[in-house]
Amino acid sequence: MKSLPSSIQNPHIISTRLLQDQVMHQVSLTVMRSASSIASYAACNLQGCTNLLLETVSNIVQLSPYRPFGTYIFCTGNGKLVVIENPDAVLQLLFYSSQMSSEAEAAVVVARSLNEHLLYRNEMQESLEMQDVVYLNNLTDIPLSSNVIPSDEVASMNSALNDLGLSKVVSLRSRRVGEEEEERGKIDLNKTSIVDGLSKIQEYQTKCDIHKVGYYDAFKLQETIDDFNANVKRLELWDEIIEMLKRYELPDSFEGRKDWIQLGTQFRRQVEPLDIANYYRHLKNEDTGPYMIRARPKRYRFTQIWLEHAERVQTGASSESCFWAEVEELRNKPFVEVQNRVLSLETNAGG
């Protein structure tokens, strides 16, 4: 009589394998759910979705922080290599190339993915020897209609997308990614208008200095037409920068560029005191709470983070634009409680 395989004889081994299968199945579903939410959210932004529900959902649903980075090489299985560097295009391709028709397929997909992973090195080496490489760089050349007669380069791109087994939807999204990349590249054209706006704020600050009134106090009192005009310009600058952030019109890693860090810092230092003055002028602190805790906008938090990251200093080291917010809060407390902090602020302001 033949003996049973050891895996059948040992219940512990069976239990362990079942547990491993369950874990792999759950991991696969988690990855796909995260990929779906990220890819869908990114696609909505690429298509210029203005529905406020999108922002509301993104505040409720925690999106995975994963984003593709670097150069991705896709193997088509027929010796062709497809090279993509645009992270948004890579994200869409990764998601659509790993979709499942049902949850029941998850276990099979996981096993297949692991097996394919072990074969990547050999397939990559064989494909490199064939030198059949397609670079998906000019994504805006992907035609919107199949009726268009493509050039040789575009035909090669279409063939590569078909070899990857991707639908027309993915092709169109890839084209939109390319268009978005071109639009982001034009961001420097908006820099002039931002600089002009900041110069208007600087003129207002200079006028206040001439009249021996700090521009913070003058703006808070709102007694002259200049105060009103400064408020209008403040709102225009707010729209200019925040809308670019919301529409993802800023180029990748632009926050690491020295010129934008300097412009963002100038914007924060000149305009945030006006936002603080407006906040306390309308007594919003009585309903909402302290500005720094409850109301500080992302446009100032982000630009401060960019500067601190560039200068490699600790978080909060560049919070000088919040000076008046702290002064406003200290005004409402007994001097005995805040004496040391007041003296410290006076020293810093004088130095």
Protein backbone atom coordinates (compact mmCIF):
# COMPACT_ATOMS: atom_id res chain seq x y z
CA MET A 1 0.00 0.00 0.00
CA LYS A 2 1.39 3.37 -1.01
CA SER A 3 1.89 5.95 1.71
CA LEU A 4 0.13 9.32 1.46
CA PRO A 5 2.17 12.41 0.61
CA SER A 6 3.62 14.09 3.68
CA SER A 7 1.53 17.23 3.05
CA ILE A 8 -1.66 15.14 3.40
CA GLN A 9 -0.35 13.25 6.39
CA ASN A 10 0.50 16.44 8.30
CA PRO A 11 -2.56 18.62 9.10
CA HIS A 12 -0.24 21.40 10.30
CA ILE A 13 1.27 21.77 6.81
CA ILE A 14 -2.19 21.86 5.24
CA SER A 15 -3.33 24.52 7.72
CA THR A 16 -0.22 26.63 7.11
CA ARG A 17 -0.65 26.52 3.33
CA LEU A 18 -4.32 27.44 3.59
CA LEU A 19 -3.41 30.37 5.81
CA GLN A 20 -0.74 31.49 3.34
CA ASP A 21 -3.24 31.27 0.48
CA GLN A 22 -5.75 33.34 2.45
CA VAL A 23 -3.12 35.98 3.25
CA MET A 24 -1.98 36.16 -0.38
CA HIS A 25 -5.61 36.42 -1.50
CA GLN A 26 -6.29 39.27 0.94
CA VAL A 27 -3.09 41.09 0.00
CA SER A 28 -4.01 40.87 -3.67
CA LEU A 29 -7.48 42.31 -3.06
CA THR A 30 -6.06 45.09 -0.89
CA VAL A 31 -3.52 46.02 -3.55
CA MET A 32 -6.18 46.12 -6.28
CA ARG A 33 -8.59 48.19 -4.18
CA SER A 34 -5.83 50.69 -3.43
CA ALA A 35 -4.73 50.74 -7.07
CA SER A 36 -8.31 51.27 -8.21
CA SER A 37 -8.90 54.23 -5.88
CA ILE A 38 -5.57 55.88 -6.77
CA ALA A 39 -5.95 55.35 -10.53
CA SER A 40 -9.57 56.55 -10.54
CA TYR A 41 -8.74 59.62 -8.46
CA ALA A 42 -5.79 60.46 -10.71
CA ALA A 43 -7.92 59.95 -13.84
CA CYS A 44 -10.58 62.34 -12.52
CA ASN A 45 -7.94 64.99 -11.91
CA LEU A 46 -6.42 64.44 -15.35
CA GLN A 47 -9.83 64.91 -16.97
CA GLY A 48 -10.34 68.18 -15.11
CA CYS A 49 -13.20 67.00 -12.90
CA THR A 50 -14.58 70.00 -10.97
CA ASN A 51 -17.16 68.09 -8.91
CA LEU A 52 -16.71 69.09 -5.26
CA LEU A 53 -17.64 65.53 -4.29
CA LEU A 54 -14.21 64.38 -5.52
CA GLU A 55 -12.42 66.56 -2.95
CA THR A 56 -14.88 65.51 -0.23
CA VAL A 57 -14.34 61.81 -0.91
CA SER A 58 -10.55 62.25 -0.97
CA ASN A 59 -10.77 63.79 2.51
CA ILE A 60 -12.79 60.82 3.80
CA VAL A 61 -11.16 57.90 1.98
CA GLN A 62 -7.49 57.44 2.81
CA LEU A 63 -5.66 56.94 -0.48
CA SER A 64 -2.50 54.89 -0.63
CA PRO A 65 0.63 57.09 -0.77
CA TYR A 66 2.11 54.88 -3.52
CA ARG A 67 3.19 56.64 -6.70
CA PRO A 68 5.33 55.17 -9.51
CA PHE A 69 8.85 56.56 -9.71
CA GLY A 70 11.63 56.14 -12.23
CA THR A 71 11.71 54.30 -15.55
CA TYR A 72 9.33 51.37 -16.10
CA ILE A 73 9.94 48.69 -18.70
CA PHE A 74 6.94 46.55 -19.70
CA CYS A 75 7.57 43.19 -21.38
CA THR A 76 4.88 42.34 -23.94
CA GLY A 77 5.75 38.65 -24.12
CA ASN A 78 6.68 38.77 -27.81
CA GLY A 79 10.18 40.19 -27.38
CA LYS A 80 9.14 43.83 -27.40
CA LEU A 81 9.97 46.23 -24.56
CA VAL A 82 7.79 49.25 -23.79
CA VAL A 83 9.58 52.00 -21.85
CA ILE A 84 7.58 54.64 -19.95
CA GLU A 85 8.82 57.36 -17.60
CA ASN A 86 5.72 59.48 -16.98
CA PRO A 87 4.50 58.41 -13.49
CA ASP A 88 0.83 59.19 -14.22
CA ALA A 89 0.86 57.06 -17.36
CA VAL A 90 2.66 54.26 -15.50
CA LEU A 91 0.02 54.34 -12.76
CA GLN A 92 -2.82 53.88 -15.26
CA LEU A 93 -0.98 51.10 -17.11
CA LEU A 94 -0.09 49.23 -13.92
CA PHE A 95 -3.70 49.31 -12.79
CA TYR A 96 -5.31 48.26 -16.06
CA SER A 97 -2.76 45.54 -16.76
CA SER A 98 -3.47 43.87 -13.42
CA GLN A 99 -7.27 44.02 -13.32
CA MET A 100 -9.27 40.92 -12.47
CA SER A 101 -12.68 39.92 -13.81
CA SER A 102 -13.79 38.76 -10.34
CA GLU A 103 -12.50 38.37 -6.77
CA ALA A 104 -12.42 34.61 -7.27
CA GLU A 105 -9.60 35.17 -9.73
CA ALA A 106 -7.37 36.75 -7.06
CA ALA A 107 -5.60 33.56 -5.96
CA VAL A 108 -4.79 32.62 -9.56
CA VAL A 109 -3.54 36.13 -10.33
CA VAL A 110 -1.27 36.13 -7.28
CA ALA A 111 0.29 32.79 -8.20
CA ARG A 112 0.71 33.87 -11.83
CA SER A 113 2.29 37.18 -10.80
CA LEU A 114 4.81 35.45 -8.56
CA ASN A 115 5.72 32.96 -11.28
CA GLU A 116 6.08 35.74 -13.87
CA HIS A 117 8.24 37.71 -11.47
CA LEU A 118 10.72 34.83 -11.37
CA LEU A 119 10.92 34.87 -15.17
CA TYR A 120 11.43 38.64 -15.60
CA ARG A 121 15.20 38.48 -15.61
CA ASN A 122 15.42 35.94 -18.42
CA GLU A 123 12.71 37.62 -20.50
CA MET A 124 14.33 41.02 -20.02
CA GLN A 125 17.70 39.66 -21.14
CA GLU A 126 16.20 38.02 -24.21
CA SER A 127 14.25 41.16 -25.12
CA LEU A 128 17.29 43.38 -24.73
CA GLU A 129 19.18 41.17 -27.15
CA MET A 130 16.42 41.67 -29.75
CA GLN A 131 16.66 45.49 -29.40
CA ASP A 132 12.92 45.91 -30.08
CA VAL A 133 12.24 48.84 -27.77
CA VAL A 134 9.38 51.34 -27.93
CA TYR A 135 9.60 54.55 -25.89
CA LEU A 136 6.23 56.03 -24.95
CA ASN A 137 7.49 59.58 -24.52
CA ASN A 138 5.30 61.63 -26.88
CA LEU A 139 1.98 60.60 -25.37
CA THR A 140 0.13 63.50 -26.98
CA ASP A 141 0.72 61.84 -30.36
CA ILE A 142 -1.64 58.98 -29.49
CA PRO A 143 -4.60 59.52 -31.88
CA LEU A 144 -8.07 60.17 -30.47
CA SER A 145 -9.70 58.25 -33.31
CA SER A 146 -8.86 55.07 -35.17
CA ASN A 147 -9.69 56.90 -38.42
CA VAL A 148 -6.49 58.93 -38.16
CA ILE A 149 -3.62 57.67 -40.32
CA PRO A 150 -0.72 57.45 -37.86
CA SER A 151 2.93 58.16 -38.50
CA ASP A 152 5.46 55.35 -38.11
CA GLU A 153 6.24 56.44 -34.54
CA VAL A 154 2.56 56.64 -33.56
CA ALA A 155 1.83 53.30 -35.23
CA SER A 156 4.64 51.80 -33.17
CA MET A 157 3.14 53.28 -30.00
CA ASN A 158 -0.32 51.94 -30.84
CA SER A 159 1.14 48.52 -31.54
CA ALA A 160 2.96 48.57 -28.20
CA LEU A 161 -0.24 49.47 -26.31
CA ASN A 162 -2.10 46.67 -28.11
CA ASP A 163 0.68 44.20 -27.31
CA LEU A 164 0.25 45.10 -23.64
CA GLY A 165 -3.41 44.13 -23.98
CA LEU A 166 -4.67 47.56 -22.96
CA SER A 167 -8.02 48.99 -23.95
CA LYS A 168 -8.75 52.16 -25.93
CA VAL A 169 -9.68 53.83 -22.63
CA VAL A 170 -6.12 53.40 -21.39
CA SER A 171 -4.75 54.81 -24.64
CA LEU A 172 -6.93 57.89 -24.29
CA ARG A 173 -5.95 58.34 -20.66
CA SER A 174 -2.30 58.03 -21.63
CA ARG A 175 -2.81 60.77 -24.19
CA ARG A 176 -4.47 62.96 -21.55
CA VAL A 177 -1.47 62.34 -19.28
CA GLY A 178 0.77 63.64 -22.05
CA GLU A 179 -1.38 66.74 -22.52
CA GLU A 180 -1.31 67.38 -18.79
CA GLU A 181 2.47 67.07 -18.77
CA GLU A 182 2.72 69.72 -21.48
CA GLU A 183 0.39 72.03 -19.55
CA ARG A 184 2.47 71.59 -16.41
CA GLY A 185 5.53 72.56 -18.37
CA LYS A 186 3.96 75.97 -18.99
CA ILE A 187 3.77 76.79 -15.28
CA ASP A 188 6.66 79.23 -15.52
CA LEU A 189 4.46 81.44 -17.70
CA ASN A 190 2.24 82.01 -14.64
CA LYS A 191 5.19 83.03 -12.51
CA THR A 192 5.18 86.57 -13.92
CA SER A 193 1.59 87.22 -12.85
CA ILE A 194 2.35 85.96 -9.34
CA VAL A 195 5.43 88.18 -9.11
CA ASP A 196 3.36 91.16 -10.30
CA GLY A 197 0.73 90.42 -7.67
CA LEU A 198 3.33 90.26 -4.91
CA SER A 199 4.78 93.57 -6.08
CA LYS A 200 1.34 95.15 -5.52
CA ILE A 201 1.32 93.81 -1.97
CA GLN A 202 4.84 95.20 -1.50
CA GLU A 203 3.68 98.64 -2.69
CA TYR A 204 0.85 98.51 -0.15
CA GLN A 205 3.30 97.58 2.60
CA THR A 206 5.59 100.49 1.63
CA LYS A 207 2.68 102.97 1.71
CA CYS A 208 1.74 101.77 5.18
CA ASP A 209 5.32 102.23 6.37
CA ILE A 210 5.31 105.81 5.05
CA HIS A 211 2.18 106.54 7.08
CA LYS A 212 3.82 105.03 10.16
CA VAL A 213 1.24 102.23 10.34
CA GLY A 214 2.22 98.60 10.05
CA TYR A 215 0.56 96.93 7.07
CA TYR A 216 -0.86 94.25 9.36
CA ASP A 217 -2.69 96.83 11.50
CA ALA A 218 -3.75 98.87 8.47
CA PHE A 219 -5.19 95.84 6.71
CA LYS A 220 -7.00 94.72 9.84
CA LEU A 221 -8.64 98.14 10.26
CA GLN A 222 -9.64 98.39 6.55
CA GLU A 223 -10.04 102.18 6.60
CA THR A 224 -8.75 103.15 3.13
CA ILE A 225 -9.22 102.14 -0.49
CA ASP A 226 -5.65 100.82 -0.48
CA ASP A 227 -6.67 98.33 2.22
CA PHE A 228 -9.56 97.17 0.04
CA ASN A 229 -7.34 96.83 -3.03
CA ALA A 230 -4.79 94.83 -1.04
CA ASN A 231 -7.58 92.47 -0.01
CA VAL A 232 -8.64 91.97 -3.63
CA LYS A 233 -5.05 91.24 -4.68
CA ARG A 234 -4.66 88.81 -1.76
CA LEU A 235 -7.66 86.83 -2.99
CA GLU A 236 -6.40 86.87 -6.58
CA LEU A 237 -3.05 85.43 -5.49
CA TRP A 238 -4.87 82.82 -3.44
CA ASP A 239 -6.86 81.75 -6.50
CA GLU A 240 -3.75 81.72 -8.70
CA ILE A 241 -1.72 79.33 -6.56
CA ILE A 242 -4.38 77.15 -4.94
CA GLU A 243 -6.23 76.45 -8.18
CA MET A 244 -2.97 75.33 -9.79
CA LEU A 245 -2.46 72.94 -6.89
CA LYS A 246 -6.01 71.60 -7.09
CA ARG A 247 -5.84 71.06 -10.85
CA TYR A 248 -2.46 69.33 -10.62
CA GLU A 249 -0.99 71.93 -12.98
CA LEU A 250 2.31 72.11 -11.14
CA PRO A 251 5.21 70.10 -12.62
CA ASP A 252 6.53 67.06 -10.79
CA SER A 253 8.96 67.96 -8.01
CA PHE A 254 8.47 71.68 -8.68
CA GLU A 255 8.51 72.19 -4.91
CA GLY A 256 12.19 71.24 -5.01
CA ARG A 257 13.08 73.99 -7.48
CA LYS A 258 14.95 76.87 -5.90
CA ASP A 259 13.09 79.58 -7.82
CA TRP A 260 9.68 78.24 -6.78
CA ILE A 261 10.77 77.76 -3.17
CA GLN A 262 11.87 81.39 -3.09
CA LEU A 263 8.65 82.58 -4.71
CA GLY A 264 6.54 80.44 -2.38
CA THR A 265 8.41 81.80 0.64
CA GLN A 266 7.95 85.39 -0.54
CA PHE A 267 4.25 84.69 -1.10
CA ARG A 268 3.86 83.20 2.38
CA ARG A 269 5.74 85.99 4.18
CA GLN A 270 3.89 88.80 2.41
CA VAL A 271 0.37 87.42 2.16
CA GLU A 272 -0.14 85.22 5.23
CA PRO A 273 -0.06 88.19 7.66
CA LEU A 274 -2.99 89.62 5.65
CA ASP A 275 -4.90 86.36 5.97
CA ILE A 276 -4.24 86.37 9.71
CA ALA A 277 -5.42 90.00 9.98
CA ASN A 278 -8.59 89.15 8.06
CA TYR A 279 -9.22 86.11 10.28
CA TYR A 280 -9.01 88.05 13.54
CA ARG A 281 -10.72 91.16 12.13
CA HIS A 282 -13.84 89.08 11.61
CA LEU A 283 -13.40 87.39 15.03
CA LYS A 284 -13.35 83.96 13.41
CA ASN A 285 -11.20 82.73 16.28
CA GLU A 286 -14.22 82.98 18.60
CA ASP A 287 -16.16 80.46 16.50
CA THR A 288 -13.47 78.34 14.88
CA GLY A 289 -10.56 78.59 17.29
CA PRO A 290 -6.94 79.73 17.01
CA TYR A 291 -5.72 80.36 13.46
CA MET A 292 -2.68 78.09 13.77
CA ILE A 293 -4.69 75.15 15.07
CA ARG A 294 -7.94 75.41 13.14
CA ALA A 295 -7.60 77.65 10.15
CA ARG A 296 -4.13 77.85 8.63
CA PRO A 297 -4.50 77.14 4.89
CA LYS A 298 -2.49 74.49 3.07
CA ARG A 299 -1.00 77.09 0.74
CA TYR A 300 1.09 78.37 3.65
CA ARG A 301 1.77 75.04 5.31
CA PHE A 302 3.01 73.55 2.04
CA THR A 303 5.27 76.45 1.08
CA GLN A 304 6.76 76.42 4.59
CA ILE A 305 7.44 72.68 4.33
CA TRP A 306 9.17 73.18 0.96
CA LEU A 307 11.55 75.74 2.47
CA GLU A 308 12.27 73.68 5.59
CA HIS A 309 12.92 70.60 3.47
CA ALA A 310 15.27 72.50 1.15
CA GLU A 311 17.20 74.02 4.05
CA ARG A 312 17.13 70.76 6.04
CA VAL A 313 15.83 72.37 9.21
CA GLN A 314 13.38 71.01 11.74
CA THR A 315 9.63 71.33 11.24
CA GLY A 316 8.35 74.73 12.34
CA ALA A 317 11.73 76.46 12.06
CA SER A 318 10.42 78.74 9.30
CA SER A 319 7.10 79.80 10.83
CA GLU A 320 7.95 83.53 10.91
CA SER A 321 4.93 84.35 8.74
CA CYS A 322 2.70 83.20 11.63
CA PHE A 323 4.08 85.84 14.02
CA TRP A 324 0.87 87.86 14.16
CA ALA A 325 -1.29 84.79 14.77
CA GLU A 326 0.63 84.10 17.96
CA VAL A 327 0.44 87.77 18.98
CA GLU A 328 -3.35 87.72 18.54
CA GLU A 329 -3.69 84.68 20.79
CA LEU A 330 -1.38 86.13 23.44
CA ARG A 331 -3.49 89.31 23.58
CA ASN A 332 -6.38 87.34 25.06
CA LYS A 333 -4.36 85.92 27.96
CA PRO A 334 -3.18 87.48 31.26
CA PHE A 335 0.31 88.99 30.89
CA VAL A 336 1.62 86.94 33.82
CA GLU A 337 0.91 83.73 31.90
CA VAL A 338 2.59 84.82 28.69
CA GLN A 339 5.30 87.20 29.89
CA ASN A 340 8.23 85.01 28.91
CA ARG A 341 6.78 84.25 25.48
CA VAL A 342 6.07 87.95 24.84
CA LEU A 343 9.65 88.86 25.70
CA SER A 344 10.88 86.11 23.37
CA LEU A 345 8.74 87.40 20.49
CA GLU A 346 9.92 90.96 21.07
CA THR A 347 13.53 89.80 20.99
CA ASN A 348 13.00 87.84 17.77
CA ALA A 349 11.15 90.73 16.12
CA GLY A 350 13.89 93.17 17.05
CA GLY A 351 16.70 90.85 15.96
